[in-house]
Amino acid sequence: MLNSENSRVDVPEIAMVDPEVLSDPISAYGRAREQTPIVRLMAPGFGSIWAVTRHSDAKAMLSDPRLAMTADSWNQRIPDDVRPYMLTMSHMDGVDHGRLRKLAVRAFTARRAAARRDMIRQSADRLLDALPGLAEEGSVDLLKHFAQPLPTFVVGDVMGIPEADRPLWRAYVARISSGGQSYDEALRDAIEGAKRVIELRREEPGDDLVSDLLRAQAEDADRISDTELVTMVWHTVFAGQDNLANFIANSVVALLSHPEQLAALRADPSLMPRAVEELMRWRPPLLLTAIRYVLEDFELCGARVRAGDSVVAVIASANRDPRVFDDPDTLDITRPAGAAVHFGFGHGAHYCIGASLAAVEAEVALEALLSRFPDVALAVPPEEVPRLPNPGSWHLTALPVTL
């Protein structure tokens, strides 16, 4: 227990490298939630991070103006030469965040997301056509051959990335996501790739977000700088590919390991939008929000936080808070609409700009897979599906299935 000076609560500490946390972070965070509304996460190389565990507190914290996003919210160990391109829209607040969000939001409206449904289905069908020929020893890796390439194609279409270059971006994102020794070089490659796309669209404008941003810049150079433009391109591709690929893969595992839910969805395909919402609540790809930094001393959930401290909300525990959700640990795709909102897409000013498109992609991906391969099944028990031992995300490394 840690008792901060002037705090009214004893704050438990959770070691993020604890084997129990790495193997089952959702249960670990859930136990913490029932003990206290705030904990300290102990992360090697990052020090300690305040973490809010309950739904109502997370909702308030994610809208609190005393907490700010910065480039360091992405990664505190980024190299100096790429740091200017790390202050993404997701890590800004106030006027600058609003300015950039207004420029980008038109590409991600619900109407434009729905208009891409046919294109997404065609892309999904093309990938599914190839699956049987990619099987090895009776199973096929659905993550590698379906969940990962589908979002790459879709976000590439949104951004105006030539189709031939999209596999390069899939590789950039995979290297960034895996961290390790190639992390810095992967960031540099993604940034250079963004610069190439921008130059291409300067010469050949199209009906895509990069072309829209360039037109806005030409009309008023103060609306978006060159650095902000490069940053928005690489980070939008990253967010639109990595998180969604993980979500699609996680959703497949969840449905195939809950046969009663799968049967309900097959019996009533109109449940798909509600199923996607429930799957995002129950098994979101991100278990923690990005770090926010304390601007002034104040009391948070009974604990005294200081200017400069770092704070996150624990999505994994807030999304399963029994104070808000009935039977929260149960996956229920018939959960009534209008129930409390989950934090799988964030909350407040930083609510995911691509949420509508992500929902459509996930719906189409699951519809296409389940209709094409009605006998699809996990090739290993659910607990043996490999994933990264990461307390901050639920990130599979492969998804072996039989068709």
Protein backbone atom coordinates (compact mmCIF):
# COMPACT_ATOMS: atom_id res chain seq x y z
CA MET A 1 0.00 0.00 0.00
CA LEU A 2 1.09 3.55 -0.77
CA ASN A 3 -0.31 6.44 1.21
CA SER A 4 0.41 9.73 -0.56
CA GLU A 5 0.81 12.81 1.58
CA ASN A 6 -2.62 14.29 2.38
CA SER A 7 -4.39 11.40 0.58
CA ARG A 8 -7.57 9.99 2.09
CA VAL A 9 -7.04 6.47 0.67
CA ASP A 10 -4.39 3.79 0.76
CA VAL A 11 -3.37 3.19 -2.83
CA PRO A 12 -2.38 -0.34 -3.86
CA GLU A 13 0.52 -0.83 -6.25
CA ILE A 14 0.33 -3.16 -9.24
CA ALA A 15 3.59 -4.31 -10.80
CA MET A 16 2.89 -4.39 -14.53
CA VAL A 17 5.57 -7.05 -15.04
CA ASP A 18 3.99 -9.37 -12.45
CA PRO A 19 3.40 -12.71 -14.25
CA GLU A 20 -0.21 -12.79 -13.03
CA VAL A 21 -0.87 -9.32 -14.47
CA LEU A 22 0.80 -10.18 -17.76
CA SER A 23 -1.10 -13.46 -18.12
CA ASP A 24 -4.52 -12.09 -17.13
CA PRO A 25 -4.55 -8.28 -16.89
CA ILE A 26 -8.34 -8.06 -17.07
CA SER A 27 -8.78 -10.11 -13.88
CA ALA A 28 -5.94 -8.26 -12.14
CA TYR A 29 -7.45 -4.86 -12.91
CA GLY A 30 -10.92 -6.13 -11.97
CA ARG A 31 -9.72 -7.19 -8.52
CA ALA A 32 -8.10 -3.78 -8.07
CA ARG A 33 -11.34 -2.02 -9.05
CA GLU A 34 -13.27 -3.77 -6.31
CA GLN A 35 -10.62 -2.82 -3.78
CA THR A 36 -10.15 0.86 -4.60
CA PRO A 37 -11.02 3.48 -7.25
CA ILE A 38 -7.36 4.30 -7.90
CA VAL A 39 -4.10 2.34 -7.96
CA ARG A 40 -0.46 2.93 -8.86
CA LEU A 41 0.88 0.98 -11.82
CA MET A 42 4.59 0.30 -11.48
CA ALA A 43 6.13 0.18 -14.96
CA PRO A 44 9.88 -0.37 -15.52
CA GLY A 45 11.30 2.60 -17.36
CA PHE A 46 8.17 4.68 -16.76
CA GLY A 47 8.07 4.92 -12.97
CA SER A 48 4.66 4.90 -11.33
CA ILE A 49 1.40 5.84 -13.02
CA TRP A 50 -1.87 6.68 -11.30
CA ALA A 51 -4.64 4.47 -12.69
CA VAL A 52 -8.39 5.09 -12.26
CA THR A 53 -10.31 1.81 -12.14
CA ARG A 54 -14.05 2.58 -11.94
CA HIS A 55 -16.45 3.70 -14.65
CA SER A 56 -17.78 6.95 -13.17
CA ASP A 57 -14.30 8.06 -12.08
CA ALA A 58 -12.81 7.18 -15.47
CA LYS A 59 -15.53 9.17 -17.23
CA ALA A 60 -14.77 12.22 -15.09
CA MET A 61 -11.01 11.82 -15.37
CA LEU A 62 -11.09 11.58 -19.18
CA SER A 63 -12.81 14.98 -19.36
CA ASP A 64 -10.84 16.72 -16.61
CA PRO A 65 -9.06 19.88 -17.88
CA ARG A 66 -6.42 19.48 -15.17
CA LEU A 67 -5.06 16.49 -17.09
CA ALA A 68 -3.32 17.03 -20.42
CA MET A 69 -2.12 14.94 -23.33
CA THR A 70 1.41 15.46 -24.68
CA ALA A 71 3.81 13.76 -27.09
CA ASP A 72 5.14 11.85 -24.10
CA SER A 73 1.71 10.23 -23.74
CA TRP A 74 2.74 8.08 -26.71
CA ASN A 75 6.09 6.86 -25.46
CA GLN A 76 8.50 8.49 -23.04
CA ARG A 77 11.54 6.93 -24.71
CA ILE A 78 11.12 8.17 -28.26
CA PRO A 79 14.29 9.33 -30.07
CA ASP A 80 14.80 13.08 -30.54
CA ASP A 81 14.73 13.00 -34.34
CA VAL A 82 11.18 11.62 -34.47
CA ARG A 83 9.81 13.46 -31.42
CA PRO A 84 8.37 16.36 -33.52
CA TYR A 85 6.14 13.82 -35.29
CA MET A 86 4.86 12.18 -32.08
CA LEU A 87 2.55 14.99 -30.97
CA THR A 88 -0.47 13.45 -32.63
CA MET A 89 -3.99 14.82 -32.54
CA SER A 90 -4.74 12.13 -29.97
CA HIS A 91 -2.10 13.65 -27.70
CA MET A 92 -3.23 17.27 -27.95
CA ASP A 93 -5.79 19.24 -26.01
CA GLY A 94 -7.64 22.50 -26.41
CA VAL A 95 -7.52 24.71 -29.48
CA ASP A 96 -4.89 22.75 -31.41
CA HIS A 97 -6.73 19.48 -30.90
CA GLY A 98 -10.00 21.02 -32.03
CA ARG A 99 -8.38 22.60 -35.10
CA LEU A 100 -6.91 19.32 -36.35
CA ARG A 101 -9.90 17.20 -35.42
CA LYS A 102 -12.19 19.48 -37.41
CA LEU A 103 -10.00 18.96 -40.49
CA ALA A 104 -9.97 15.18 -40.19
CA VAL A 105 -13.46 14.39 -38.95
CA ARG A 106 -15.12 14.76 -42.37
CA ALA A 107 -13.36 11.63 -43.60
CA PHE A 108 -14.76 9.55 -40.74
CA THR A 109 -18.43 10.50 -40.46
CA ALA A 110 -21.00 7.76 -40.01
CA ARG A 111 -22.33 8.52 -43.50
CA ARG A 112 -18.92 8.11 -45.15
CA ALA A 113 -18.25 4.98 -43.11
CA ALA A 114 -21.52 3.43 -44.30
CA ALA A 115 -20.69 4.39 -47.89
CA ARG A 116 -17.53 2.27 -47.65
CA ARG A 117 -19.40 -0.88 -46.60
CA ASP A 118 -19.46 -2.40 -50.09
CA MET A 119 -15.77 -1.68 -50.63
CA ILE A 120 -14.94 -3.25 -47.28
CA ARG A 121 -17.01 -6.33 -48.10
CA GLN A 122 -15.28 -6.73 -51.46
CA SER A 123 -11.89 -6.49 -49.76
CA ALA A 124 -12.94 -8.99 -47.09
CA ASP A 125 -14.25 -11.44 -49.69
CA ARG A 126 -11.01 -11.23 -51.64
CA LEU A 127 -9.00 -12.10 -48.52
CA LEU A 128 -11.39 -14.91 -47.58
CA ASP A 129 -11.16 -16.38 -51.08
CA ALA A 130 -7.45 -16.93 -50.50
CA LEU A 131 -7.68 -18.45 -47.01
CA PRO A 132 -8.09 -22.15 -47.92
CA GLY A 133 -4.92 -22.03 -50.02
CA LEU A 134 -2.97 -20.56 -47.10
CA ALA A 135 -3.73 -23.36 -44.66
CA GLU A 136 -0.80 -25.23 -43.13
CA GLU A 137 -1.28 -28.57 -41.40
CA GLY A 138 -5.03 -28.07 -41.38
CA SER A 139 -5.21 -24.54 -39.95
CA VAL A 140 -4.76 -20.98 -41.18
CA ASP A 141 -3.61 -17.87 -39.32
CA LEU A 142 -6.64 -15.56 -39.46
CA LEU A 143 -4.71 -12.69 -37.88
CA LYS A 144 -1.98 -12.66 -40.52
CA HIS A 145 -4.16 -13.38 -43.53
CA PHE A 146 -7.41 -11.56 -42.68
CA ALA A 147 -7.60 -9.39 -39.55
CA GLN A 148 -4.39 -7.48 -40.29
CA PRO A 149 -4.58 -6.90 -44.05
CA LEU A 150 -8.26 -5.86 -44.12
CA PRO A 151 -7.85 -2.66 -42.01
CA THR A 152 -4.67 -1.83 -43.92
CA PHE A 153 -6.60 -1.81 -47.17
CA VAL A 154 -9.45 0.26 -45.74
CA VAL A 155 -7.37 2.93 -44.04
CA GLY A 156 -5.13 3.03 -47.10
CA ASP A 157 -8.20 3.84 -49.20
CA VAL A 158 -9.26 6.55 -46.74
CA MET A 159 -5.80 8.14 -46.75
CA GLY A 160 -5.05 7.80 -50.48
CA ILE A 161 -2.13 5.37 -50.11
CA PRO A 162 -1.48 3.49 -53.37
CA GLU A 163 -2.58 -0.13 -53.11
CA ALA A 164 0.91 -1.38 -53.97
CA ASP A 165 2.34 0.47 -50.95
CA ARG A 166 -0.15 -0.80 -48.39
CA PRO A 167 1.83 -3.97 -47.49
CA LEU A 168 4.74 -1.68 -46.56
CA TRP A 169 2.50 0.14 -44.11
CA ARG A 170 1.32 -3.14 -42.64
CA ALA A 171 4.97 -3.96 -41.95
CA TYR A 172 5.65 -0.52 -40.43
CA VAL A 173 2.73 -0.86 -38.06
CA ALA A 174 3.63 -4.42 -37.07
CA ARG A 175 7.16 -3.33 -36.16
CA ILE A 176 5.95 -0.32 -34.18
CA SER A 177 3.42 -2.46 -32.32
CA SER A 178 5.92 -5.13 -31.39
CA GLY A 179 8.40 -2.62 -29.94
CA GLY A 180 11.83 -4.07 -29.42
CA GLN A 181 15.02 -3.08 -31.20
CA SER A 182 13.31 -2.13 -34.48
CA TYR A 183 10.89 0.31 -32.83
CA ASP A 184 12.83 3.51 -33.56
CA GLU A 185 13.57 2.53 -37.15
CA ALA A 186 9.95 1.52 -37.70
CA LEU A 187 8.83 4.99 -36.58
CA ARG A 188 11.30 6.59 -38.97
CA ASP A 189 10.09 4.39 -41.83
CA ALA A 190 6.45 5.28 -41.13
CA ILE A 191 7.28 8.99 -41.04
CA GLU A 192 9.17 8.78 -44.33
CA GLY A 193 6.29 6.80 -45.81
CA ALA A 194 3.89 9.54 -44.75
CA LYS A 195 6.06 12.14 -46.47
CA ARG A 196 5.99 10.11 -49.69
CA VAL A 197 2.18 9.85 -49.62
CA ILE A 198 1.89 13.59 -49.08
CA GLU A 199 4.17 14.37 -52.01
CA LEU A 200 2.24 11.97 -54.22
CA ARG A 201 -1.07 13.61 -53.35
CA ARG A 202 0.39 17.07 -53.91
CA GLU A 203 1.05 15.98 -57.50
CA GLU A 204 -2.03 13.79 -57.92
CA PRO A 205 -4.90 14.93 -55.66
CA GLY A 206 -7.72 12.48 -55.10
CA ASP A 207 -10.84 11.82 -53.04
CA ASP A 208 -8.99 11.01 -49.84
CA LEU A 209 -8.04 12.54 -46.50
CA VAL A 210 -4.48 13.50 -47.44
CA SER A 211 -5.73 15.41 -50.48
CA ASP A 212 -8.37 17.12 -48.32
CA LEU A 213 -5.73 18.18 -45.81
CA LEU A 214 -3.46 19.52 -48.55
CA ARG A 215 -6.33 21.57 -49.98
CA ALA A 216 -7.02 22.97 -46.51
CA GLN A 217 -3.34 23.85 -46.10
CA ALA A 218 -3.26 25.59 -49.48
CA GLU A 219 -6.29 27.68 -48.55
CA ASP A 220 -4.88 28.65 -45.14
CA ALA A 221 -1.37 27.54 -44.17
CA ASP A 222 -2.13 28.15 -40.48
CA ARG A 223 -4.74 25.39 -40.45
CA ILE A 224 -2.18 22.58 -40.52
CA SER A 225 1.62 22.66 -40.63
CA ASP A 226 3.82 20.28 -42.62
CA THR A 227 4.88 18.52 -39.41
CA GLU A 228 1.26 18.16 -38.27
CA LEU A 229 0.32 16.80 -41.68
CA VAL A 230 3.02 14.11 -41.61
CA THR A 231 2.07 13.25 -38.04
CA MET A 232 -1.61 12.91 -38.86
CA VAL A 233 -0.91 10.64 -41.83
CA TRP A 234 1.34 8.11 -40.13
CA HIS A 235 -0.63 8.03 -36.89
CA THR A 236 -4.02 7.69 -38.59
CA VAL A 237 -2.73 4.70 -40.54
CA PHE A 238 -1.30 3.21 -37.37
CA ALA A 239 -4.46 3.68 -35.32
CA GLY A 240 -6.71 2.56 -38.15
CA GLN A 241 -4.73 -0.61 -38.70
CA ASP A 242 -3.29 -1.88 -35.43
CA ASN A 243 -6.18 -1.42 -33.03
CA LEU A 244 -8.80 -2.62 -35.48
CA ALA A 245 -6.83 -5.70 -36.51
CA ASN A 246 -6.54 -6.63 -32.85
CA PHE A 247 -10.23 -5.96 -32.26
CA ILE A 248 -11.35 -8.13 -35.18
CA ALA A 249 -9.08 -10.97 -34.04
CA ASN A 250 -10.20 -10.64 -30.41
CA SER A 251 -13.84 -10.67 -31.52
CA VAL A 252 -13.38 -13.87 -33.51
CA VAL A 253 -11.85 -15.61 -30.49
CA ALA A 254 -14.63 -14.34 -28.23
CA LEU A 255 -17.41 -15.56 -30.52
CA LEU A 256 -15.82 -18.92 -31.29
CA SER A 257 -15.25 -19.58 -27.58
CA HIS A 258 -18.84 -18.61 -26.67
CA PRO A 259 -20.95 -20.92 -28.85
CA GLU A 260 -24.25 -19.69 -27.40
CA GLN A 261 -23.42 -16.12 -28.45
CA LEU A 262 -22.31 -17.26 -31.88
CA ALA A 263 -25.54 -19.24 -32.29
CA ALA A 264 -27.61 -16.19 -31.30
CA LEU A 265 -25.78 -14.07 -33.86
CA ARG A 266 -26.25 -16.66 -36.60
CA ALA A 267 -29.95 -16.92 -35.75
CA ASP A 268 -30.41 -13.14 -35.89
CA PRO A 269 -27.78 -11.35 -38.03
CA SER A 270 -29.44 -8.02 -37.20
CA LEU A 271 -27.72 -8.31 -33.82
CA MET A 272 -24.35 -7.60 -35.42
CA PRO A 273 -24.12 -3.88 -34.51
CA ARG A 274 -24.99 -4.65 -30.89
CA ALA A 275 -22.56 -7.57 -30.94
CA VAL A 276 -19.72 -5.30 -32.05
CA GLU A 277 -20.52 -2.83 -29.26
CA GLU A 278 -20.57 -5.62 -26.69
CA LEU A 279 -17.36 -7.16 -28.00
CA MET A 280 -15.64 -3.78 -27.72
CA ARG A 281 -16.83 -3.50 -24.13
CA TRP A 282 -15.90 -7.03 -23.17
CA ARG A 283 -12.54 -7.43 -24.94
CA PRO A 284 -11.20 -4.05 -26.16
CA PRO A 285 -7.82 -4.04 -27.91
CA LEU A 286 -6.50 -1.37 -25.51
CA LEU A 287 -6.73 -2.06 -21.78
CA LEU A 288 -5.40 1.35 -20.68
CA THR A 289 -5.90 4.82 -22.08
CA ALA A 290 -2.99 6.96 -23.23
CA ILE A 291 -1.19 8.73 -20.40
CA ARG A 292 -2.40 12.14 -19.31
CA TYR A 293 -0.21 14.50 -17.27
CA VAL A 294 -1.32 16.42 -14.18
CA LEU A 295 -1.19 20.20 -14.66
CA GLU A 296 -1.78 21.17 -11.04
CA ASP A 297 -2.01 19.49 -7.66
CA PHE A 298 -5.47 18.16 -6.87
CA GLU A 299 -7.32 15.23 -5.32
CA LEU A 300 -8.21 12.36 -7.65
CA CYS A 301 -10.40 9.57 -6.29
CA GLY A 302 -9.22 10.42 -2.78
CA ALA A 303 -5.53 10.45 -3.66
CA ARG A 304 -3.40 13.58 -3.84
CA VAL A 305 -1.86 13.85 -7.31
CA ARG A 306 0.92 16.33 -8.10
CA ALA A 307 1.71 18.46 -11.12
CA GLY A 308 3.75 16.35 -13.54
CA ASP A 309 2.31 13.01 -12.37
CA SER A 310 0.99 10.63 -15.04
CA VAL A 311 -2.55 9.23 -15.01
CA VAL A 312 -4.45 6.63 -17.05
CA ALA A 313 -7.94 5.16 -16.97
CA VAL A 314 -8.12 1.38 -16.89
CA ILE A 315 -10.48 0.59 -19.76
CA ALA A 316 -10.43 -3.12 -18.90
CA SER A 317 -11.84 -2.56 -15.42
CA ALA A 318 -14.15 0.40 -16.14
CA ASN A 319 -15.78 -1.55 -18.98
CA ARG A 320 -16.65 -4.30 -16.50
CA ASP A 321 -17.69 -2.19 -13.54
CA PRO A 322 -20.68 -3.89 -11.85
CA ARG A 323 -21.77 -0.48 -10.57
CA VAL A 324 -22.71 0.33 -14.15
CA PHE A 325 -23.09 -2.91 -16.14
CA ASP A 326 -25.28 -5.87 -15.17
CA ASP A 327 -23.37 -9.16 -15.05
CA PRO A 328 -20.34 -7.34 -16.52
CA ASP A 329 -18.00 -10.31 -16.95
CA THR A 330 -20.51 -12.10 -19.18
CA LEU A 331 -20.33 -11.60 -22.94
CA ASP A 332 -23.91 -10.86 -23.98
CA ILE A 333 -24.51 -9.67 -27.54
CA THR A 334 -28.18 -9.08 -26.68
CA ARG A 335 -27.27 -6.61 -23.94
CA PRO A 336 -29.96 -3.90 -24.15
CA ALA A 337 -29.13 -0.86 -26.20
CA GLY A 338 -28.86 2.29 -24.14
CA ALA A 339 -26.86 0.65 -21.38
CA ALA A 340 -23.88 2.58 -20.02
CA VAL A 341 -21.29 3.56 -22.60
CA HIS A 342 -18.03 1.61 -22.66
CA PHE A 343 -14.62 3.22 -23.10
CA GLY A 344 -13.36 1.02 -25.91
CA PHE A 345 -13.40 4.06 -28.20
CA GLY A 346 -12.37 6.49 -25.47
CA HIS A 347 -14.46 9.33 -24.11
CA GLY A 348 -14.87 13.08 -24.33
CA ALA A 349 -12.83 15.27 -26.64
CA HIS A 350 -10.57 12.34 -27.50
CA TYR A 351 -13.34 9.92 -28.44
CA CYS A 352 -11.98 7.88 -31.37
CA ILE A 353 -12.48 9.85 -34.56
CA GLY A 354 -12.66 6.61 -36.54
CA ALA A 355 -15.20 4.85 -34.31
CA SER A 356 -17.94 4.74 -36.97
CA LEU A 357 -15.59 3.34 -39.60
CA ALA A 358 -14.12 0.83 -37.13
CA ALA A 359 -17.60 -0.43 -36.24
CA VAL A 360 -18.53 -0.88 -39.90
CA GLU A 361 -15.26 -2.68 -40.63
CA ALA A 362 -15.73 -5.04 -37.71
CA GLU A 363 -19.35 -5.75 -38.64
CA VAL A 364 -18.45 -6.49 -42.26
CA ALA A 365 -15.41 -8.59 -41.32
CA LEU A 366 -17.39 -10.81 -38.94
CA GLU A 367 -20.39 -11.07 -41.30
CA ALA A 368 -18.17 -12.09 -44.20
CA LEU A 369 -16.15 -14.62 -42.21
CA LEU A 370 -19.13 -16.32 -40.58
CA SER A 371 -21.13 -16.53 -43.80
CA ARG A 372 -18.23 -17.79 -45.92
CA PHE A 373 -17.00 -20.38 -43.40
CA PRO A 374 -19.94 -21.55 -41.25
CA ASP A 375 -17.78 -24.26 -39.64
CA VAL A 376 -14.85 -21.98 -38.72
CA ALA A 377 -13.41 -22.95 -35.34
CA LEU A 378 -10.37 -22.26 -33.20
CA ALA A 379 -7.54 -24.65 -33.93
CA VAL A 380 -6.35 -24.46 -30.32
CA PRO A 381 -8.15 -23.93 -27.00
CA PRO A 382 -8.98 -20.24 -26.37
CA GLU A 383 -6.42 -19.97 -23.60
CA GLU A 384 -3.71 -21.18 -25.97
CA VAL A 385 -4.28 -18.55 -28.66
CA PRO A 386 -0.92 -16.72 -28.52
CA ARG A 387 -0.75 -13.06 -27.55
CA LEU A 388 1.81 -10.55 -26.41
CA PRO A 389 2.33 -10.54 -22.63
CA ASN A 390 1.27 -6.91 -22.39
CA PRO A 391 -0.67 -5.36 -19.48
CA GLY A 392 -1.75 -2.42 -21.66
CA SER A 393 -3.36 -4.20 -24.61
CA TRP A 394 -4.97 -7.47 -25.67
CA HIS A 395 -2.82 -8.12 -28.71
CA LEU A 396 -2.79 -11.56 -30.37
CA THR A 397 0.33 -12.70 -32.21
CA ALA A 398 -1.50 -15.36 -34.25
CA LEU A 399 -5.05 -16.69 -34.63
CA PRO A 400 -5.02 -20.30 -35.84
CA VAL A 401 -8.42 -21.50 -37.05
CA THR A 402 -9.81 -24.40 -39.03
CA LEU A 403 -12.20 -23.64 -41.86
